[in-house]
Amino acid sequence: MKRVIAAIGGKARRVNVIMPYLYESRQDKRVGRESLDCANALHELIDMGVENIITFDAHDSRVQNATPLHGFETVQPSYQFIKALLNNEEGLHIDKDHFMTISPDEGSMSRAIYLANVLGVDMGMYYKRLDYSRYVNGRHPIAAYEFLGPKLEGKDMILIDDMISSGDTIIKIASLLKEKGAGKVYICSTFGFFTDGLEKFDEAHKKGYFDKLLTTNLVYQSPELLEKPYYISCDMSKYIALIIDTLNHDTSVSHLLNPVDRIKRCVNNYMSQYEK
């Protein structure tokens, strides 16, 4: 990326960088003695003359404070999740009595709260209760997962997170939701890496822990993943094209960053079609 920017340096009127998966976005604030790779990368891009940096679902949006005088936008694919889900599922009731959103940890609470507010439903979350009395493989082991939220028996729900690495945590939370009497569980994650393969997801789906798995095409999707009967791909190409077109016409991207109206219109059309 730096080589391309250097090649056009001094010739372009403005350089915008769209980085779907923000480089080293999980290293955005110093906890121990590690390097802040993400902040350093943003500084290098700005020093090369980049005006705006646009990414999707940054692990922690506060990383934008590393470059406070330049444009930085982190875009949530909430509309694409809802659109893809409603296009592939029938008979869902998107209301407070039949539907809710779930955050698998405290880090994804803002995503679940936003979606719950837009859809007009309740939200819940799980947090990890750690055993601080001992270490296992350099970290405190998880003693239990605790649920905070209203009763969820019989409700369908979206379990939303920014990324799936191995998938152990998200599958564990899905199984706990089913134990509590949840209806259909839809796992939505912006980035699906599946670092340990798909076998555990096959097994979890077979056991009924979740019904559908939705991730975007902002990262590589293997042919094996695309063939899974439980998988739904959320296409982001049109959305990115709209962002590029808007930037090139020197107009604001604000209306693209907050898709409340589009989500509500999509849900209303779905509900009216179902009622008929």
C-alpha atoms as a PDB file:
ATOM      1  CA  MET A   1       0.000   0.000   0.000  1.00  0.00           C
ATOM      2  CA  LYS A   2       2.824   2.395   0.870  1.00  0.00           C
ATOM      3  CA  ARG A   3       4.517   1.620  -2.452  1.00  0.00           C
ATOM      4  CA  VAL A   4       1.349   2.498  -4.400  1.00  0.00           C
ATOM      5  CA  ILE A   5       0.899   5.743  -2.455  1.00  0.00           C
ATOM      6  CA  ALA A   6       4.543   6.626  -3.079  1.00  0.00           C
ATOM      7  CA  ALA A   7       4.105   5.992  -6.810  1.00  0.00           C
ATOM      8  CA  ILE A   8       1.246   8.503  -7.053  1.00  0.00           C
ATOM      9  CA  GLY A   9       2.735  10.907  -4.517  1.00  0.00           C
ATOM     10  CA  GLY A  10       2.489  14.550  -5.618  1.00  0.00           C
ATOM     11  CA  LYS A  11       0.180  13.744  -8.542  1.00  0.00           C
ATOM     12  CA  ALA A  12      -3.159  12.906  -6.938  1.00  0.00           C
ATOM     13  CA  ARG A  13      -5.398  15.713  -5.712  1.00  0.00           C
ATOM     14  CA  ARG A  14      -6.305  13.650  -2.663  1.00  0.00           C
ATOM     15  CA  VAL A  15      -5.488  10.152  -1.428  1.00  0.00           C
ATOM     16  CA  ASN A  16      -8.163   8.144   0.402  1.00  0.00           C
ATOM     17  CA  VAL A  17      -7.387   4.705   1.812  1.00  0.00           C
ATOM     18  CA  ILE A  18     -10.155   2.151   2.238  1.00  0.00           C
ATOM     19  CA  MET A  19      -8.804  -0.653   4.396  1.00  0.00           C
ATOM     20  CA  PRO A  20     -11.641  -3.152   5.018  1.00  0.00           C
ATOM     21  CA  TYR A  21      -9.783  -4.929   7.829  1.00  0.00           C
ATOM     22  CA  LEU A  22      -7.732  -2.367   9.740  1.00  0.00           C
ATOM     23  CA  TYR A  23      -4.099  -3.385  10.034  1.00  0.00           C
ATOM     24  CA  GLU A  24      -3.336  -4.797  13.513  1.00  0.00           C
ATOM     25  CA  SER A  25      -6.558  -3.289  14.856  1.00  0.00           C
ATOM     26  CA  ARG A  26      -6.423  -5.478  17.961  1.00  0.00           C
ATOM     27  CA  GLN A  27      -3.267  -3.632  19.057  1.00  0.00           C
ATOM     28  CA  ASP A  28      -4.789  -0.198  19.424  1.00  0.00           C
ATOM     29  CA  LYS A  29      -3.943   0.642  23.034  1.00  0.00           C
ATOM     30  CA  ARG A  30      -0.976  -0.285  25.171  1.00  0.00           C
ATOM     31  CA  VAL A  31      -1.749  -2.801  27.894  1.00  0.00           C
ATOM     32  CA  GLY A  32       1.684  -4.211  28.646  1.00  0.00           C
ATOM     33  CA  ARG A  33       4.930  -3.597  26.797  1.00  0.00           C
ATOM     34  CA  GLU A  34       3.721  -4.415  23.292  1.00  0.00           C
ATOM     35  CA  SER A  35       4.112  -2.100  20.315  1.00  0.00           C
ATOM     36  CA  LEU A  36       1.146  -0.121  19.021  1.00  0.00           C
ATOM     37  CA  ASP A  37       1.325  -1.373  15.441  1.00  0.00           C
ATOM     38  CA  CYS A  38      -2.059   0.002  14.407  1.00  0.00           C
ATOM     39  CA  ALA A  39      -1.363   3.540  15.616  1.00  0.00           C
ATOM     40  CA  ASN A  40       2.090   3.489  14.004  1.00  0.00           C
ATOM     41  CA  ALA A  41       0.611   2.334  10.690  1.00  0.00           C
ATOM     42  CA  LEU A  42      -1.950   5.156  10.726  1.00  0.00           C
ATOM     43  CA  HIS A  43       0.825   7.673  11.395  1.00  0.00           C
ATOM     44  CA  GLU A  44       2.858   6.343   8.468  1.00  0.00           C
ATOM     45  CA  LEU A  45      -0.108   6.667   6.093  1.00  0.00           C
ATOM     46  CA  ILE A  46      -0.850  10.218   7.249  1.00  0.00           C
ATOM     47  CA  ASP A  47       2.818  11.173   6.885  1.00  0.00           C
ATOM     48  CA  MET A  48       2.643   9.994   3.253  1.00  0.00           C
ATOM     49  CA  GLY A  49      -0.183  12.414   2.530  1.00  0.00           C
ATOM     50  CA  VAL A  50      -3.300  10.278   3.009  1.00  0.00           C
ATOM     51  CA  GLU A  51      -6.315  12.502   3.766  1.00  0.00           C
ATOM     52  CA  ASN A  52      -8.953   9.964   4.781  1.00  0.00           C
ATOM     53  CA  ILE A  53      -8.810   6.407   6.107  1.00  0.00           C
ATOM     54  CA  ILE A  54     -11.982   4.320   5.971  1.00  0.00           C
ATOM     55  CA  THR A  55     -12.239   0.907   7.572  1.00  0.00           C
ATOM     56  CA  PHE A  56     -14.973  -1.489   8.653  1.00  0.00           C
ATOM     57  CA  ASP A  57     -15.806  -2.386  12.229  1.00  0.00           C
ATOM     58  CA  ALA A  58     -12.493  -1.474  13.845  1.00  0.00           C
ATOM     59  CA  HIS A  59     -11.845  -3.613  16.910  1.00  0.00           C
ATOM     60  CA  ASP A  60     -11.733  -0.416  18.992  1.00  0.00           C
ATOM     61  CA  SER A  61     -12.757   2.791  17.205  1.00  0.00           C
ATOM     62  CA  ARG A  62     -10.745   4.866  19.700  1.00  0.00           C
ATOM     63  CA  VAL A  63      -7.676   4.131  17.606  1.00  0.00           C
ATOM     64  CA  GLN A  64      -8.761   7.112  15.481  1.00  0.00           C
ATOM     65  CA  ASN A  65      -7.362   9.302  18.255  1.00  0.00           C
ATOM     66  CA  ALA A  66      -3.905   8.413  16.899  1.00  0.00           C
ATOM     67  CA  THR A  67      -4.577  10.752  13.944  1.00  0.00           C
ATOM     68  CA  PRO A  68      -6.951  13.419  15.311  1.00  0.00           C
ATOM     69  CA  LEU A  69      -6.458  15.963  12.521  1.00  0.00           C
ATOM     70  CA  HIS A  70      -7.290  13.659   9.596  1.00  0.00           C
ATOM     71  CA  GLY A  71     -10.366  11.786   8.468  1.00  0.00           C
ATOM     72  CA  PHE A  72     -10.963   8.358   9.973  1.00  0.00           C
ATOM     73  CA  GLU A  73     -14.237   6.460   9.640  1.00  0.00           C
ATOM     74  CA  THR A  74     -15.125   2.991  10.892  1.00  0.00           C
ATOM     75  CA  VAL A  75     -18.214   1.628   9.160  1.00  0.00           C
ATOM     76  CA  GLN A  76     -20.597  -0.927  10.668  1.00  0.00           C
ATOM     77  CA  PRO A  77     -22.143  -3.482   8.269  1.00  0.00           C
ATOM     78  CA  SER A  78     -25.371  -3.622  10.317  1.00  0.00           C
ATOM     79  CA  TYR A  79     -27.636  -3.025   7.316  1.00  0.00           C
ATOM     80  CA  GLN A  80     -25.953  -5.765   5.287  1.00  0.00           C
ATOM     81  CA  PHE A  81     -26.440  -8.242   8.141  1.00  0.00           C
ATOM     82  CA  ILE A  82     -30.152  -7.476   8.440  1.00  0.00           C
ATOM     83  CA  LYS A  83     -30.704  -7.467   4.684  1.00  0.00           C
ATOM     84  CA  ALA A  84     -28.935 -10.804   4.152  1.00  0.00           C
ATOM     85  CA  LEU A  85     -30.711 -12.406   7.105  1.00  0.00           C
ATOM     86  CA  LEU A  86     -34.195 -11.325   6.011  1.00  0.00           C
ATOM     87  CA  ASN A  87     -33.499 -12.379   2.420  1.00  0.00           C
ATOM     88  CA  ASN A  88     -32.655 -15.909   3.569  1.00  0.00           C
ATOM     89  CA  GLU A  89     -35.043 -16.521   6.472  1.00  0.00           C
ATOM     90  CA  GLU A  90     -38.829 -16.604   6.588  1.00  0.00           C
ATOM     91  CA  GLY A  91     -41.292 -16.084   9.403  1.00  0.00           C
ATOM     92  CA  LEU A  92     -39.185 -13.932  11.727  1.00  0.00           C
ATOM     93  CA  HIS A  93     -40.982 -11.471  14.025  1.00  0.00           C
ATOM     94  CA  ILE A  94     -38.729  -8.455  14.514  1.00  0.00           C
ATOM     95  CA  ASP A  95     -40.275  -7.046  17.681  1.00  0.00           C
ATOM     96  CA  LYS A  96     -39.579  -6.851  21.402  1.00  0.00           C
ATOM     97  CA  ASP A  97     -41.587  -9.969  22.218  1.00  0.00           C
ATOM     98  CA  HIS A  98     -39.941 -12.304  19.703  1.00  0.00           C
ATOM     99  CA  PHE A  99     -36.454 -10.991  18.904  1.00  0.00           C
ATOM    100  CA  MET A 100     -33.331  -9.615  20.609  1.00  0.00           C
ATOM    101  CA  THR A 101     -29.633  -8.958  20.072  1.00  0.00           C
ATOM    102  CA  ILE A 102     -26.801 -10.504  22.085  1.00  0.00           C
ATOM    103  CA  SER A 103     -23.218  -9.378  22.678  1.00  0.00           C
ATOM    104  CA  PRO A 104     -20.786 -12.246  23.421  1.00  0.00           C
ATOM    105  CA  ASP A 105     -18.631  -9.964  25.609  1.00  0.00           C
ATOM    106  CA  GLU A 106     -18.364  -6.406  26.885  1.00  0.00           C
ATOM    107  CA  GLY A 107     -16.258  -5.391  23.876  1.00  0.00           C
ATOM    108  CA  SER A 108     -19.150  -5.841  21.439  1.00  0.00           C
ATOM    109  CA  MET A 109     -21.825  -4.186  23.561  1.00  0.00           C
ATOM    110  CA  SER A 110     -21.981  -1.065  21.394  1.00  0.00           C
ATOM    111  CA  ARG A 111     -22.734  -3.161  18.296  1.00  0.00           C
ATOM    112  CA  ALA A 112     -25.550  -5.048  20.016  1.00  0.00           C
ATOM    113  CA  ILE A 113     -26.983  -1.888  21.592  1.00  0.00           C
ATOM    114  CA  TYR A 114     -27.022  -0.038  18.267  1.00  0.00           C
ATOM    115  CA  LEU A 115     -28.804  -2.872  16.475  1.00  0.00           C
ATOM    116  CA  ALA A 116     -31.258  -3.329  19.347  1.00  0.00           C
ATOM    117  CA  ASN A 117     -32.145   0.372  19.321  1.00  0.00           C
ATOM    118  CA  VAL A 118     -32.673   0.436  15.568  1.00  0.00           C
ATOM    119  CA  LEU A 119     -34.804  -2.719  15.575  1.00  0.00           C
ATOM    120  CA  GLY A 120     -36.706  -1.732  18.731  1.00  0.00           C
ATOM    121  CA  VAL A 121     -35.835  -4.946  20.601  1.00  0.00           C
ATOM    122  CA  ASP A 122     -34.064  -5.895  23.846  1.00  0.00           C
ATOM    123  CA  MET A 123     -30.393  -6.772  24.127  1.00  0.00           C
ATOM    124  CA  GLY A 124     -28.342  -8.958  26.425  1.00  0.00           C
ATOM    125  CA  MET A 125     -24.683  -9.721  26.941  1.00  0.00           C
ATOM    126  CA  TYR A 126     -22.319 -12.284  28.396  1.00  0.00           C
ATOM    127  CA  TYR A 127     -19.209 -11.457  30.374  1.00  0.00           C
ATOM    128  CA  LYS A 128     -16.350 -13.701  31.389  1.00  0.00           C
ATOM    129  CA  ARG A 129     -15.839 -14.287  35.117  1.00  0.00           C
ATOM    130  CA  LEU A 130     -12.108 -14.925  35.453  1.00  0.00           C
ATOM    131  CA  ASP A 131     -10.285 -16.931  38.098  1.00  0.00           C
ATOM    132  CA  TYR A 132      -7.635 -14.450  39.237  1.00  0.00           C
ATOM    133  CA  SER A 133      -6.138 -16.926  41.713  1.00  0.00           C
ATOM    134  CA  ARG A 134      -4.219 -18.879  39.053  1.00  0.00           C
ATOM    135  CA  TYR A 135      -2.633 -18.738  35.603  1.00  0.00           C
ATOM    136  CA  VAL A 136      -3.102 -21.168  32.725  1.00  0.00           C
ATOM    137  CA  ASN A 137      -0.879 -20.677  29.674  1.00  0.00           C
ATOM    138  CA  GLY A 138      -0.009 -17.152  30.783  1.00  0.00           C
ATOM    139  CA  ARG A 139      -3.541 -15.923  31.460  1.00  0.00           C
ATOM    140  CA  HIS A 140      -6.287 -16.181  34.044  1.00  0.00           C
ATOM    141  CA  PRO A 141      -8.696 -19.009  33.108  1.00  0.00           C
ATOM    142  CA  ILE A 142     -12.402 -18.389  32.582  1.00  0.00           C
ATOM    143  CA  ALA A 143     -14.371 -19.539  35.627  1.00  0.00           C
ATOM    144  CA  ALA A 144     -17.811 -19.010  34.085  1.00  0.00           C
ATOM    145  CA  TYR A 145     -19.811 -17.056  31.520  1.00  0.00           C
ATOM    146  CA  GLU A 146     -22.448 -14.852  33.157  1.00  0.00           C
ATOM    147  CA  PHE A 147     -25.515 -13.507  31.319  1.00  0.00           C
ATOM    148  CA  LEU A 148     -26.891  -9.991  31.800  1.00  0.00           C
ATOM    149  CA  GLY A 149     -30.226  -9.134  30.245  1.00  0.00           C
ATOM    150  CA  PRO A 150     -33.952  -9.918  30.111  1.00  0.00           C
ATOM    151  CA  LYS A 151     -35.512 -13.343  29.744  1.00  0.00           C
ATOM    152  CA  LEU A 152     -34.739 -14.843  26.356  1.00  0.00           C
ATOM    153  CA  GLU A 153     -36.819 -18.030  26.350  1.00  0.00           C
ATOM    154  CA  GLY A 154     -38.406 -18.605  22.966  1.00  0.00           C
ATOM    155  CA  LYS A 155     -36.912 -15.502  21.343  1.00  0.00           C
ATOM    156  CA  ASP A 156     -34.915 -15.529  18.111  1.00  0.00           C
ATOM    157  CA  MET A 157     -31.687 -13.570  18.355  1.00  0.00           C
ATOM    158  CA  ILE A 158     -28.696 -12.114  16.588  1.00  0.00           C
ATOM    159  CA  LEU A 159     -25.346 -12.868  18.254  1.00  0.00           C
ATOM    160  CA  ILE A 160     -23.079 -10.130  16.922  1.00  0.00           C
ATOM    161  CA  ASP A 161     -19.305  -9.629  17.100  1.00  0.00           C
ATOM    162  CA  ASP A 162     -16.608  -7.951  15.025  1.00  0.00           C
ATOM    163  CA  MET A 163     -14.534 -11.036  14.227  1.00  0.00           C
ATOM    164  CA  ILE A 164     -14.399 -14.803  14.513  1.00  0.00           C
ATOM    165  CA  SER A 165     -10.894 -16.174  15.022  1.00  0.00           C
ATOM    166  CA  SER A 166     -11.034 -19.786  16.164  1.00  0.00           C
ATOM    167  CA  GLY A 167     -14.744 -19.554  16.993  1.00  0.00           C
ATOM    168  CA  ASP A 168     -14.494 -21.184  20.431  1.00  0.00           C
ATOM    169  CA  THR A 169     -16.043 -18.252  22.305  1.00  0.00           C
ATOM    170  CA  ILE A 170     -18.909 -17.555  19.898  1.00  0.00           C
ATOM    171  CA  ILE A 171     -19.875 -21.256  19.763  1.00  0.00           C
ATOM    172  CA  LYS A 172     -19.752 -21.473  23.554  1.00  0.00           C
ATOM    173  CA  ILE A 173     -22.039 -18.442  23.894  1.00  0.00           C
ATOM    174  CA  ALA A 174     -24.438 -19.855  21.279  1.00  0.00           C
ATOM    175  CA  SER A 175     -24.653 -23.129  23.215  1.00  0.00           C
ATOM    176  CA  LEU A 176     -25.361 -21.233  26.450  1.00  0.00           C
ATOM    177  CA  LEU A 177     -28.133 -19.283  24.739  1.00  0.00           C
ATOM    178  CA  LYS A 178     -29.744 -22.533  23.617  1.00  0.00           C
ATOM    179  CA  GLU A 179     -29.493 -23.891  27.164  1.00  0.00           C
ATOM    180  CA  LYS A 180     -31.453 -20.851  28.325  1.00  0.00           C
ATOM    181  CA  GLY A 181     -34.251 -21.622  25.856  1.00  0.00           C
ATOM    182  CA  ALA A 182     -33.356 -19.354  22.951  1.00  0.00           C
ATOM    183  CA  GLY A 183     -35.173 -19.848  19.664  1.00  0.00           C
ATOM    184  CA  LYS A 184     -33.151 -19.391  16.491  1.00  0.00           C
ATOM    185  CA  VAL A 185     -29.607 -18.086  16.940  1.00  0.00           C
ATOM    186  CA  TYR A 186     -27.987 -16.162  14.088  1.00  0.00           C
ATOM    187  CA  ILE A 187     -24.255 -15.508  14.425  1.00  0.00           C
ATOM    188  CA  CYS A 188     -23.205 -12.281  12.692  1.00  0.00           C
ATOM    189  CA  SER A 189     -19.537 -11.337  12.447  1.00  0.00           C
ATOM    190  CA  THR A 190     -17.898  -8.778  10.173  1.00  0.00           C
ATOM    191  CA  PHE A 191     -14.693 -10.773   9.722  1.00  0.00           C
ATOM    192  CA  GLY A 192     -14.671 -14.550   9.636  1.00  0.00           C
ATOM    193  CA  PHE A 193     -11.141 -15.975   9.807  1.00  0.00           C
ATOM    194  CA  PHE A 194     -11.915 -19.497  11.076  1.00  0.00           C
ATOM    195  CA  THR A 195      -8.300 -20.072  12.068  1.00  0.00           C
ATOM    196  CA  ASP A 196      -8.997 -23.587  13.374  1.00  0.00           C
ATOM    197  CA  GLY A 197     -11.087 -24.683  10.408  1.00  0.00           C
ATOM    198  CA  LEU A 198     -14.821 -25.191  10.016  1.00  0.00           C
ATOM    199  CA  GLU A 199     -15.231 -28.598  11.642  1.00  0.00           C
ATOM    200  CA  LYS A 200     -16.258 -27.152  15.007  1.00  0.00           C
ATOM    201  CA  PHE A 201     -18.919 -25.020  13.287  1.00  0.00           C
ATOM    202  CA  ASP A 202     -20.220 -28.088  11.453  1.00  0.00           C
ATOM    203  CA  GLU A 203     -20.483 -29.903  14.778  1.00  0.00           C
ATOM    204  CA  ALA A 204     -22.099 -26.930  16.545  1.00  0.00           C
ATOM    205  CA  HIS A 205     -24.694 -26.532  13.797  1.00  0.00           C
ATOM    206  CA  LYS A 206     -25.385 -30.248  13.885  1.00  0.00           C
ATOM    207  CA  LYS A 207     -26.010 -30.003  17.641  1.00  0.00           C
ATOM    208  CA  GLY A 208     -28.369 -27.073  17.043  1.00  0.00           C
ATOM    209  CA  TYR A 209     -26.279 -24.406  18.794  1.00  0.00           C
ATOM    210  CA  PHE A 210     -26.894 -21.921  15.961  1.00  0.00           C
ATOM    211  CA  ASP A 211     -29.058 -21.740  12.845  1.00  0.00           C
ATOM    212  CA  LYS A 212     -27.174 -19.461  10.450  1.00  0.00           C
ATOM    213  CA  LEU A 213     -23.699 -17.944  10.295  1.00  0.00           C
ATOM    214  CA  LEU A 214     -23.265 -14.579   8.565  1.00  0.00           C
ATOM    215  CA  THR A 215     -19.948 -12.921   7.722  1.00  0.00           C
ATOM    216  CA  THR A 216     -18.963 -10.348   5.112  1.00  0.00           C
ATOM    217  CA  ASN A 217     -16.738 -10.684   2.060  1.00  0.00           C
ATOM    218  CA  LEU A 218     -14.354  -8.036   3.426  1.00  0.00           C
ATOM    219  CA  VAL A 219     -11.838 -10.841   4.006  1.00  0.00           C
ATOM    220  CA  TYR A 220     -11.125 -14.017   2.046  1.00  0.00           C
ATOM    221  CA  GLN A 221     -13.911 -16.589   1.985  1.00  0.00           C
ATOM    222  CA  SER A 222     -12.850 -20.137   1.190  1.00  0.00           C
ATOM    223  CA  PRO A 223     -14.910 -22.198  -1.290  1.00  0.00           C
ATOM    224  CA  GLU A 224     -15.504 -24.677   1.551  1.00  0.00           C
ATOM    225  CA  LEU A 225     -17.122 -21.943   3.648  1.00  0.00           C
ATOM    226  CA  LEU A 226     -19.315 -20.696   0.816  1.00  0.00           C
ATOM    227  CA  GLU A 227     -20.699 -24.208   0.289  1.00  0.00           C
ATOM    228  CA  LYS A 228     -21.848 -24.671   3.883  1.00  0.00           C
ATOM    229  CA  PRO A 229     -25.663 -24.912   4.088  1.00  0.00           C
ATOM    230  CA  TYR A 230     -25.731 -22.780   7.239  1.00  0.00           C
ATOM    231  CA  TYR A 231     -23.537 -19.982   5.859  1.00  0.00           C
ATOM    232  CA  ILE A 232     -24.794 -16.651   4.481  1.00  0.00           C
ATOM    233  CA  SER A 233     -22.355 -14.286   2.779  1.00  0.00           C
ATOM    234  CA  CYS A 234     -22.978 -10.541   3.172  1.00  0.00           C
ATOM    235  CA  ASP A 235     -21.773  -8.755   0.043  1.00  0.00           C
ATOM    236  CA  MET A 236     -20.132  -5.379   0.765  1.00  0.00           C
ATOM    237  CA  SER A 237     -18.991  -4.505  -2.767  1.00  0.00           C
ATOM    238  CA  LYS A 238     -21.933  -2.201  -3.571  1.00  0.00           C
ATOM    239  CA  TYR A 239     -21.522  -0.389  -0.277  1.00  0.00           C
ATOM    240  CA  ILE A 240     -17.800   0.219  -0.856  1.00  0.00           C
ATOM    241  CA  ALA A 241     -18.551   1.405  -4.406  1.00  0.00           C
ATOM    242  CA  LEU A 242     -21.028   3.954  -2.985  1.00  0.00           C
ATOM    243  CA  ILE A 243     -18.406   5.197  -0.525  1.00  0.00           C
ATOM    244  CA  ILE A 244     -15.807   5.596  -3.276  1.00  0.00           C
ATOM    245  CA  ASP A 245     -18.282   7.387  -5.550  1.00  0.00           C
ATOM    246  CA  THR A 246     -19.331   9.735  -2.741  1.00  0.00           C
ATOM    247  CA  LEU A 247     -15.721  10.589  -1.860  1.00  0.00           C
ATOM    248  CA  ASN A 248     -14.851  11.244  -5.512  1.00  0.00           C
ATOM    249  CA  HIS A 249     -17.727  13.732  -5.778  1.00  0.00           C
ATOM    250  CA  ASP A 250     -16.551  15.622  -2.678  1.00  0.00           C
ATOM    251  CA  THR A 251     -19.783  14.999  -0.800  1.00  0.00           C
ATOM    252  CA  SER A 252     -20.346  13.845   2.761  1.00  0.00           C
ATOM    253  CA  VAL A 253     -20.426  10.132   3.572  1.00  0.00           C
ATOM    254  CA  SER A 254     -22.456  10.738   6.731  1.00  0.00           C
ATOM    255  CA  HIS A 255     -25.648   9.314   5.226  1.00  0.00           C
ATOM    256  CA  LEU A 256     -23.775   6.105   4.386  1.00  0.00           C
ATOM    257  CA  LEU A 257     -22.352   5.673   7.877  1.00  0.00           C
ATOM    258  CA  ASN A 258     -25.704   5.631   9.679  1.00  0.00           C
ATOM    259  CA  PRO A 259     -28.063   3.187   7.922  1.00  0.00           C
ATOM    260  CA  VAL A 260     -31.006   3.552  10.341  1.00  0.00           C
ATOM    261  CA  ASP A 261     -33.518   4.446   7.632  1.00  0.00           C
ATOM    262  CA  ARG A 262     -32.395   1.632   5.350  1.00  0.00           C
ATOM    263  CA  ILE A 263     -32.604  -0.949   8.135  1.00  0.00           C
ATOM    264  CA  LYS A 264     -36.081   0.162   9.187  1.00  0.00           C
ATOM    265  CA  ARG A 265     -37.298   0.191   5.590  1.00  0.00           C
ATOM    266  CA  CYS A 266     -35.907  -3.302   5.044  1.00  0.00           C
ATOM    267  CA  VAL A 267     -37.571  -4.638   8.221  1.00  0.00           C
ATOM    268  CA  ASN A 268     -40.910  -2.934   7.450  1.00  0.00           C
ATOM    269  CA  ASN A 269     -40.969  -4.401   3.937  1.00  0.00           C
ATOM    270  CA  TYR A 270     -40.188  -7.836   5.339  1.00  0.00           C
ATOM    271  CA  MET A 271     -42.843  -7.653   8.051  1.00  0.00           C
ATOM    272  CA  SER A 272     -45.523  -6.365   5.674  1.00  0.00           C
ATOM    273  CA  GLN A 273     -44.754  -9.169   3.220  1.00  0.00           C
ATOM    274  CA  TYR A 274     -44.935 -11.748   6.014  1.00  0.00           C
ATOM    275  CA  GLU A 275     -48.246 -10.341   7.306  1.00  0.00           C
ATOM    276  CA  LYS A 276     -49.760 -10.735   3.847  1.00  0.00           C
END
